[in-house]
């Protein structure tokens, strides 16, 4: 993991769209089936939209039927952080970028093998980076 990225809300507002700021910095959630990556199938790496840290590989992406991009594992154990989220009367595990502490989504214990996990991530929190041998988007 690279060095921590710390910015003020004003600095984040300068580099993120309003929707990205709402999701990444205010722990918002986009509506199901509306994000650009929920049905995206190009090979590559999904990086944090705020700081660029690599988070998920397309090899671990699967169709969860939920309307959000879902992965069964991050690219590295230290690329994401987790914390308890008890908002809205639910008990969930929030997933954050470990480098800039941006909100990505939540992880649930109902994913496929080999991990049994489902990292349910907002498209607004991600940037797809094609593999070097693949054409760009």
N, C-alpha and C. Protein backbone atom coordinates (compact mmCIF):
# COMPACT_ATOMS: atom_id res chain seq x y z
N UNK A 1 0.84 -1.19 0.00
CA UNK A 1 0.00 0.00 0.00
C UNK A 1 0.88 1.24 0.00
N UNK A 2 0.47 2.22 -0.77
CA UNK A 2 1.20 3.49 -0.83
C UNK A 2 0.90 4.32 0.42
N UNK A 3 1.61 5.44 0.53
CA UNK A 3 1.39 6.35 1.66
C UNK A 3 -0.06 6.81 1.71
N UNK A 4 -0.53 7.10 2.91
CA UNK A 4 -1.89 7.59 3.12
C UNK A 4 -2.12 8.88 2.35
N UNK A 5 -3.33 9.06 1.88
CA UNK A 5 -3.74 10.28 1.20
C UNK A 5 -4.75 10.98 2.10
N UNK A 6 -4.44 12.21 2.49
CA UNK A 6 -5.32 12.99 3.36
C UNK A 6 -5.58 14.32 2.68
N UNK A 7 -6.86 14.66 2.50
CA UNK A 7 -7.26 15.92 1.87
C UNK A 7 -8.44 16.49 2.64
N UNK A 8 -8.62 17.79 2.54
CA UNK A 8 -9.81 18.43 3.11
C UNK A 8 -11.00 18.15 2.20
N UNK A 9 -12.21 18.38 2.72
CA UNK A 9 -13.40 18.22 1.88
C UNK A 9 -13.31 19.12 0.65
N UNK A 10 -12.81 20.32 0.82
CA UNK A 10 -12.66 21.23 -0.31
C UNK A 10 -11.74 20.68 -1.38
N UNK A 11 -10.64 20.07 -0.96
CA UNK A 11 -9.70 19.47 -1.92
C UNK A 11 -10.36 18.28 -2.64
N UNK A 12 -11.12 17.45 -1.89
CA UNK A 12 -11.81 16.33 -2.52
C UNK A 12 -12.84 16.85 -3.51
N UNK A 13 -13.55 17.92 -3.17
CA UNK A 13 -14.56 18.49 -4.08
C UNK A 13 -13.95 18.96 -5.40
N UNK A 14 -12.70 19.39 -5.36
CA UNK A 14 -12.03 19.85 -6.57
C UNK A 14 -11.71 18.71 -7.53
N UNK A 15 -11.53 17.49 -7.03
CA UNK A 15 -11.12 16.39 -7.90
C UNK A 15 -12.19 15.33 -8.13
N UNK A 16 -13.26 15.36 -7.34
CA UNK A 16 -14.33 14.37 -7.48
C UNK A 16 -15.59 15.03 -8.00
N UNK A 17 -16.38 14.28 -8.77
CA UNK A 17 -17.69 14.77 -9.19
C UNK A 17 -18.59 14.84 -7.95
N UNK A 18 -19.71 15.55 -8.02
CA UNK A 18 -20.62 15.59 -6.87
C UNK A 18 -21.07 14.18 -6.44
N UNK A 19 -21.37 13.31 -7.38
CA UNK A 19 -21.80 11.95 -7.03
C UNK A 19 -20.65 11.16 -6.39
N UNK A 20 -19.44 11.28 -6.93
CA UNK A 20 -18.29 10.61 -6.33
C UNK A 20 -18.04 11.11 -4.91
N UNK A 21 -18.15 12.42 -4.70
CA UNK A 21 -17.96 12.98 -3.36
C UNK A 21 -19.00 12.42 -2.40
N UNK A 22 -20.27 12.38 -2.83
CA UNK A 22 -21.35 11.88 -1.99
C UNK A 22 -21.11 10.42 -1.59
N UNK A 23 -20.67 9.61 -2.53
CA UNK A 23 -20.43 8.19 -2.23
C UNK A 23 -19.13 8.00 -1.45
N UNK A 24 -18.03 8.52 -1.98
CA UNK A 24 -16.71 8.27 -1.40
C UNK A 24 -16.47 8.97 -0.07
N UNK A 25 -16.87 10.21 0.05
CA UNK A 25 -16.53 11.00 1.23
C UNK A 25 -17.67 11.14 2.24
N UNK A 26 -18.93 10.86 1.78
CA UNK A 26 -20.07 10.97 2.69
C UNK A 26 -20.78 9.63 2.88
N UNK A 27 -20.15 8.56 2.45
CA UNK A 27 -20.67 7.19 2.61
C UNK A 27 -22.05 7.01 1.99
N UNK A 28 -22.25 7.64 0.83
CA UNK A 28 -23.50 7.47 0.11
C UNK A 28 -23.54 6.15 -0.64
N UNK A 29 -24.71 5.85 -1.20
CA UNK A 29 -24.89 4.65 -2.00
C UNK A 29 -25.64 5.02 -3.26
N UNK A 30 -25.14 4.57 -4.40
CA UNK A 30 -25.86 4.81 -5.64
C UNK A 30 -27.01 3.80 -5.76
N UNK A 31 -28.02 4.14 -6.53
CA UNK A 31 -29.14 3.22 -6.73
C UNK A 31 -28.68 1.99 -7.50
N UNK A 32 -29.26 0.86 -7.17
CA UNK A 32 -28.94 -0.40 -7.86
C UNK A 32 -29.20 -0.27 -9.36
N UNK A 33 -28.38 -0.95 -10.14
CA UNK A 33 -28.49 -1.02 -11.60
C UNK A 33 -28.32 0.33 -12.30
N UNK A 34 -27.68 1.29 -11.64
CA UNK A 34 -27.47 2.60 -12.27
C UNK A 34 -25.99 2.93 -12.49
N UNK A 35 -25.09 2.32 -11.78
CA UNK A 35 -23.67 2.64 -11.89
C UNK A 35 -23.05 2.10 -13.16
N UNK A 36 -21.97 2.71 -13.59
CA UNK A 36 -21.34 2.34 -14.86
C UNK A 36 -20.67 0.97 -14.85
N UNK A 37 -20.40 0.40 -13.69
CA UNK A 37 -19.68 -0.88 -13.66
C UNK A 37 -20.50 -2.08 -13.20
N UNK A 38 -21.77 -1.92 -12.89
CA UNK A 38 -22.55 -3.07 -12.39
C UNK A 38 -22.62 -4.18 -13.42
N UNK A 39 -22.62 -3.84 -14.72
CA UNK A 39 -22.70 -4.84 -15.79
C UNK A 39 -21.49 -4.72 -16.72
N UNK A 40 -20.37 -4.38 -16.17
CA UNK A 40 -19.12 -4.16 -16.92
C UNK A 40 -18.29 -5.43 -16.89
N UNK A 41 -17.78 -5.84 -18.05
CA UNK A 41 -17.09 -7.13 -18.12
C UNK A 41 -15.70 -7.06 -18.74
N UNK A 42 -15.13 -5.89 -18.91
CA UNK A 42 -13.81 -5.76 -19.51
C UNK A 42 -12.72 -6.17 -18.51
N UNK A 43 -11.70 -6.89 -18.98
CA UNK A 43 -10.60 -7.25 -18.06
C UNK A 43 -9.82 -6.03 -17.60
N UNK A 44 -9.34 -6.09 -16.38
CA UNK A 44 -8.55 -4.99 -15.86
C UNK A 44 -8.63 -4.91 -14.35
N UNK A 45 -8.18 -3.79 -13.84
CA UNK A 45 -8.16 -3.52 -12.41
C UNK A 45 -9.12 -2.38 -12.12
N UNK A 46 -9.84 -2.52 -11.02
CA UNK A 46 -10.72 -1.45 -10.55
C UNK A 46 -9.99 -0.75 -9.41
N UNK A 47 -9.72 0.54 -9.62
CA UNK A 47 -8.97 1.35 -8.65
C UNK A 47 -9.89 2.33 -7.95
N UNK A 48 -9.43 2.85 -6.84
CA UNK A 48 -10.17 3.86 -6.08
C UNK A 48 -10.31 5.13 -6.93
N UNK A 49 -11.53 5.62 -7.09
CA UNK A 49 -11.76 6.84 -7.87
C UNK A 49 -11.17 8.07 -7.20
N UNK A 50 -10.91 8.01 -5.91
CA UNK A 50 -10.36 9.16 -5.19
C UNK A 50 -8.84 9.21 -5.25
N UNK A 51 -8.18 8.10 -4.98
CA UNK A 51 -6.71 8.14 -4.87
C UNK A 51 -5.97 7.25 -5.86
N UNK A 52 -6.67 6.39 -6.58
CA UNK A 52 -6.03 5.55 -7.58
C UNK A 52 -5.48 4.23 -7.09
N UNK A 53 -5.60 3.95 -5.82
CA UNK A 53 -5.09 2.67 -5.31
C UNK A 53 -5.84 1.49 -5.96
N UNK A 54 -5.11 0.46 -6.35
CA UNK A 54 -5.73 -0.73 -6.91
C UNK A 54 -6.53 -1.44 -5.84
N UNK A 55 -7.80 -1.79 -6.17
CA UNK A 55 -8.69 -2.39 -5.19
C UNK A 55 -9.15 -3.79 -5.57
N UNK A 56 -9.65 -3.96 -6.79
CA UNK A 56 -10.23 -5.24 -7.21
C UNK A 56 -9.79 -5.58 -8.63
N UNK A 57 -9.63 -6.88 -8.88
CA UNK A 57 -9.27 -7.38 -10.21
C UNK A 57 -10.53 -7.90 -10.88
N UNK A 58 -10.67 -7.68 -12.17
CA UNK A 58 -11.85 -8.17 -12.90
C UNK A 58 -11.98 -9.68 -12.81
N UNK A 59 -10.89 -10.38 -12.53
CA UNK A 59 -10.93 -11.85 -12.39
C UNK A 59 -11.78 -12.27 -11.19
N UNK A 60 -11.95 -11.38 -10.21
CA UNK A 60 -12.73 -11.73 -9.02
C UNK A 60 -14.14 -11.13 -9.05
N UNK A 61 -14.51 -10.49 -10.16
CA UNK A 61 -15.83 -9.87 -10.31
C UNK A 61 -16.84 -10.95 -10.68
N UNK A 62 -18.04 -10.87 -10.12
CA UNK A 62 -19.09 -11.82 -10.45
C UNK A 62 -20.44 -11.12 -10.43
N UNK A 63 -21.42 -11.72 -11.09
CA UNK A 63 -22.77 -11.16 -11.13
C UNK A 63 -23.53 -11.63 -9.90
N UNK A 64 -23.73 -10.72 -8.96
CA UNK A 64 -24.42 -11.06 -7.72
C UNK A 64 -25.93 -10.89 -7.85
N UNK A 65 -26.37 -10.26 -8.94
CA UNK A 65 -27.79 -10.00 -9.12
C UNK A 65 -28.30 -8.82 -8.31
N UNK A 66 -27.40 -8.11 -7.64
CA UNK A 66 -27.81 -7.01 -6.75
C UNK A 66 -27.87 -5.66 -7.45
N UNK A 67 -27.20 -5.53 -8.61
CA UNK A 67 -27.17 -4.25 -9.30
C UNK A 67 -25.98 -3.39 -8.97
N UNK A 68 -25.06 -3.92 -8.18
CA UNK A 68 -23.80 -3.23 -7.89
C UNK A 68 -22.65 -4.14 -8.30
N UNK A 69 -21.49 -3.55 -8.66
CA UNK A 69 -20.33 -4.39 -8.94
C UNK A 69 -19.99 -5.21 -7.70
N UNK A 70 -19.75 -6.51 -7.90
CA UNK A 70 -19.46 -7.40 -6.78
C UNK A 70 -18.20 -8.20 -7.07
N UNK A 71 -17.40 -8.38 -6.05
CA UNK A 71 -16.11 -9.09 -6.14
C UNK A 71 -16.01 -10.04 -4.96
N UNK A 72 -15.31 -11.15 -5.15
CA UNK A 72 -15.16 -12.06 -4.02
C UNK A 72 -13.88 -11.86 -3.24
N UNK A 73 -13.01 -10.95 -3.72
CA UNK A 73 -11.76 -10.66 -2.98
C UNK A 73 -11.14 -9.37 -3.51
N UNK A 74 -10.47 -8.60 -2.65
CA UNK A 74 -9.70 -7.45 -3.12
C UNK A 74 -8.38 -7.92 -3.75
N UNK A 75 -7.67 -7.02 -4.44
CA UNK A 75 -6.40 -7.40 -5.07
C UNK A 75 -5.35 -7.77 -4.03
N UNK A 76 -5.41 -7.16 -2.86
CA UNK A 76 -4.48 -7.46 -1.77
C UNK A 76 -5.23 -7.25 -0.46
N UNK A 77 -4.85 -8.01 0.55
CA UNK A 77 -5.55 -7.90 1.83
C UNK A 77 -5.44 -6.50 2.43
N UNK A 78 -4.37 -5.78 2.12
CA UNK A 78 -4.21 -4.45 2.70
C UNK A 78 -4.72 -3.32 1.80
N UNK A 79 -5.37 -3.65 0.69
CA UNK A 79 -5.88 -2.58 -0.18
C UNK A 79 -7.21 -2.02 0.31
N UNK A 80 -7.94 -2.79 1.10
CA UNK A 80 -9.19 -2.30 1.67
C UNK A 80 -9.15 -2.42 3.19
N UNK A 81 -9.92 -1.57 3.83
CA UNK A 81 -10.08 -1.63 5.29
C UNK A 81 -11.56 -1.87 5.55
N UNK A 82 -11.87 -2.35 6.72
CA UNK A 82 -13.26 -2.63 7.10
C UNK A 82 -13.56 -2.00 8.44
N UNK A 83 -14.84 -1.60 8.61
CA UNK A 83 -15.29 -1.14 9.91
C UNK A 83 -16.78 -1.45 10.05
N UNK A 84 -17.20 -1.57 11.29
CA UNK A 84 -18.59 -1.87 11.58
C UNK A 84 -19.47 -0.68 11.19
N UNK A 85 -20.62 -0.98 10.58
CA UNK A 85 -21.56 0.04 10.16
C UNK A 85 -22.94 -0.35 10.68
N UNK A 86 -23.45 0.40 11.64
CA UNK A 86 -24.76 0.11 12.24
C UNK A 86 -25.82 1.15 11.86
N UNK A 87 -25.57 1.91 10.78
CA UNK A 87 -26.54 2.91 10.35
C UNK A 87 -27.78 2.25 9.77
N UNK A 88 -28.87 2.98 9.79
CA UNK A 88 -30.13 2.57 9.17
C UNK A 88 -30.71 1.31 9.80
N UNK A 89 -30.36 1.03 11.05
CA UNK A 89 -30.90 -0.12 11.75
C UNK A 89 -30.38 -1.46 11.26
N UNK A 90 -29.29 -1.44 10.52
CA UNK A 90 -28.69 -2.66 9.99
C UNK A 90 -27.29 -2.84 10.57
N UNK A 91 -26.87 -4.07 10.67
CA UNK A 91 -25.51 -4.37 11.10
C UNK A 91 -24.75 -4.89 9.88
N UNK A 92 -23.82 -4.04 9.41
CA UNK A 92 -23.06 -4.39 8.20
C UNK A 92 -21.59 -4.10 8.42
N UNK A 93 -20.78 -4.54 7.45
CA UNK A 93 -19.36 -4.24 7.47
C UNK A 93 -19.06 -3.33 6.28
N UNK A 94 -18.67 -2.10 6.60
CA UNK A 94 -18.31 -1.12 5.58
C UNK A 94 -16.93 -1.43 5.03
N UNK A 95 -16.74 -1.20 3.74
CA UNK A 95 -15.44 -1.37 3.08
C UNK A 95 -14.93 0.00 2.67
N UNK A 96 -13.67 0.29 3.02
CA UNK A 96 -13.03 1.56 2.73
C UNK A 96 -11.73 1.34 1.97
N UNK A 97 -11.32 2.31 1.19
CA UNK A 97 -9.98 2.28 0.60
C UNK A 97 -9.00 2.48 1.76
N UNK A 98 -8.03 1.61 1.87
CA UNK A 98 -7.09 1.71 3.00
C UNK A 98 -6.13 2.88 2.84
N UNK A 99 -6.00 3.41 1.64
CA UNK A 99 -5.06 4.51 1.40
C UNK A 99 -5.67 5.87 1.72
N UNK A 100 -6.93 6.11 1.31
CA UNK A 100 -7.52 7.43 1.51
C UNK A 100 -8.77 7.39 2.38
N UNK A 101 -9.14 6.21 2.86
CA UNK A 101 -10.29 6.01 3.73
C UNK A 101 -11.61 6.44 3.10
N UNK A 102 -11.70 6.34 1.79
CA UNK A 102 -12.95 6.62 1.10
C UNK A 102 -13.89 5.42 1.22
N UNK A 103 -15.18 5.71 1.36
CA UNK A 103 -16.21 4.68 1.42
C UNK A 103 -16.35 4.03 0.05
N UNK A 104 -16.31 2.70 0.01
CA UNK A 104 -16.46 1.96 -1.24
C UNK A 104 -17.80 1.25 -1.31
N UNK A 105 -18.22 0.66 -0.22
CA UNK A 105 -19.45 -0.12 -0.17
C UNK A 105 -19.46 -0.98 1.08
N UNK A 106 -19.92 -2.23 0.95
CA UNK A 106 -20.01 -3.14 2.09
C UNK A 106 -19.60 -4.54 1.66
N UNK A 107 -19.22 -5.36 2.63
CA UNK A 107 -18.88 -6.76 2.36
C UNK A 107 -19.87 -7.64 3.13
N UNK A 108 -20.31 -8.71 2.46
CA UNK A 108 -21.30 -9.62 3.03
C UNK A 108 -20.79 -11.07 2.92
N UNK A 109 -21.22 -11.94 3.82
CA UNK A 109 -20.74 -13.32 3.83
C UNK A 109 -21.58 -14.26 2.94
N UNK A 110 -22.04 -13.77 1.78
CA UNK A 110 -22.88 -14.59 0.91
C UNK A 110 -22.35 -14.68 -0.52
N UNK A 111 -21.03 -14.59 -0.67
CA UNK A 111 -20.42 -14.63 -1.99
C UNK A 111 -20.00 -16.03 -2.39
N UNK A 112 -19.44 -16.15 -3.59
CA UNK A 112 -19.02 -17.46 -4.10
C UNK A 112 -17.68 -17.91 -3.50
N UNK A 113 -17.37 -19.15 -3.72
CA UNK A 113 -16.04 -19.66 -3.36
C UNK A 113 -15.03 -19.00 -4.29
N UNK A 114 -13.80 -18.82 -3.91
CA UNK A 114 -13.16 -19.49 -2.79
C UNK A 114 -13.27 -18.75 -1.45
N UNK A 115 -13.79 -17.51 -1.42
CA UNK A 115 -13.81 -16.76 -0.16
C UNK A 115 -15.15 -16.80 0.54
N UNK A 116 -16.24 -16.96 -0.21
CA UNK A 116 -17.57 -16.88 0.38
C UNK A 116 -17.99 -15.45 0.69
N UNK A 117 -17.22 -14.47 0.19
CA UNK A 117 -17.51 -13.07 0.46
C UNK A 117 -18.05 -12.37 -0.78
N UNK A 118 -18.85 -11.34 -0.55
CA UNK A 118 -19.36 -10.49 -1.62
C UNK A 118 -19.05 -9.04 -1.26
N UNK A 119 -18.05 -8.49 -1.93
CA UNK A 119 -17.72 -7.09 -1.77
C UNK A 119 -18.64 -6.33 -2.72
N UNK A 120 -19.65 -5.67 -2.17
CA UNK A 120 -20.67 -4.96 -2.93
C UNK A 120 -20.23 -3.49 -2.97
N UNK A 121 -19.77 -3.04 -4.14
CA UNK A 121 -19.05 -1.78 -4.26
C UNK A 121 -19.80 -0.81 -5.19
N UNK A 122 -19.83 0.45 -4.81
CA UNK A 122 -20.43 1.48 -5.66
C UNK A 122 -19.56 1.76 -6.88
N UNK A 123 -20.18 1.82 -8.05
CA UNK A 123 -19.44 2.18 -9.27
C UNK A 123 -18.76 3.53 -9.14
N UNK A 124 -19.43 4.48 -8.47
CA UNK A 124 -18.87 5.83 -8.32
C UNK A 124 -17.57 5.83 -7.53
N UNK A 125 -17.29 4.76 -6.81
CA UNK A 125 -16.05 4.66 -6.02
C UNK A 125 -14.90 4.09 -6.83
N UNK A 126 -15.17 3.69 -8.07
CA UNK A 126 -14.18 2.95 -8.86
C UNK A 126 -13.80 3.64 -10.16
N UNK A 127 -12.61 3.29 -10.64
CA UNK A 127 -12.14 3.61 -11.99
C UNK A 127 -11.62 2.29 -12.55
N UNK A 128 -12.05 1.94 -13.75
CA UNK A 128 -11.55 0.73 -14.40
C UNK A 128 -10.29 1.07 -15.18
N UNK A 129 -9.24 0.28 -14.97
CA UNK A 129 -7.98 0.45 -15.69
C UNK A 129 -7.77 -0.82 -16.49
N UNK A 130 -7.88 -0.74 -17.84
CA UNK A 130 -7.71 -1.94 -18.66
C UNK A 130 -6.31 -2.55 -18.51
N UNK A 131 -6.23 -3.84 -18.72
CA UNK A 131 -4.93 -4.50 -18.72
C UNK A 131 -4.10 -3.90 -19.84
N UNK A 132 -2.77 -3.85 -19.69
CA UNK A 132 -1.92 -3.24 -20.73
C UNK A 132 -2.12 -3.84 -22.12
N UNK A 133 -2.47 -5.12 -22.22
CA UNK A 133 -2.65 -5.76 -23.51
C UNK A 133 -4.09 -5.67 -24.02
N UNK A 134 -4.94 -4.91 -23.32
CA UNK A 134 -6.34 -4.74 -23.68
C UNK A 134 -6.58 -3.32 -24.19
N UNK A 135 -7.52 -3.15 -25.14
CA UNK A 135 -7.85 -1.78 -25.57
C UNK A 135 -8.52 -1.01 -24.43
N UNK A 136 -8.42 0.31 -24.48
CA UNK A 136 -9.04 1.17 -23.47
C UNK A 136 -10.54 1.22 -23.63
N UNK A 137 -11.19 1.86 -22.65
CA UNK A 137 -12.66 1.99 -22.69
C UNK A 137 -13.06 3.08 -23.64
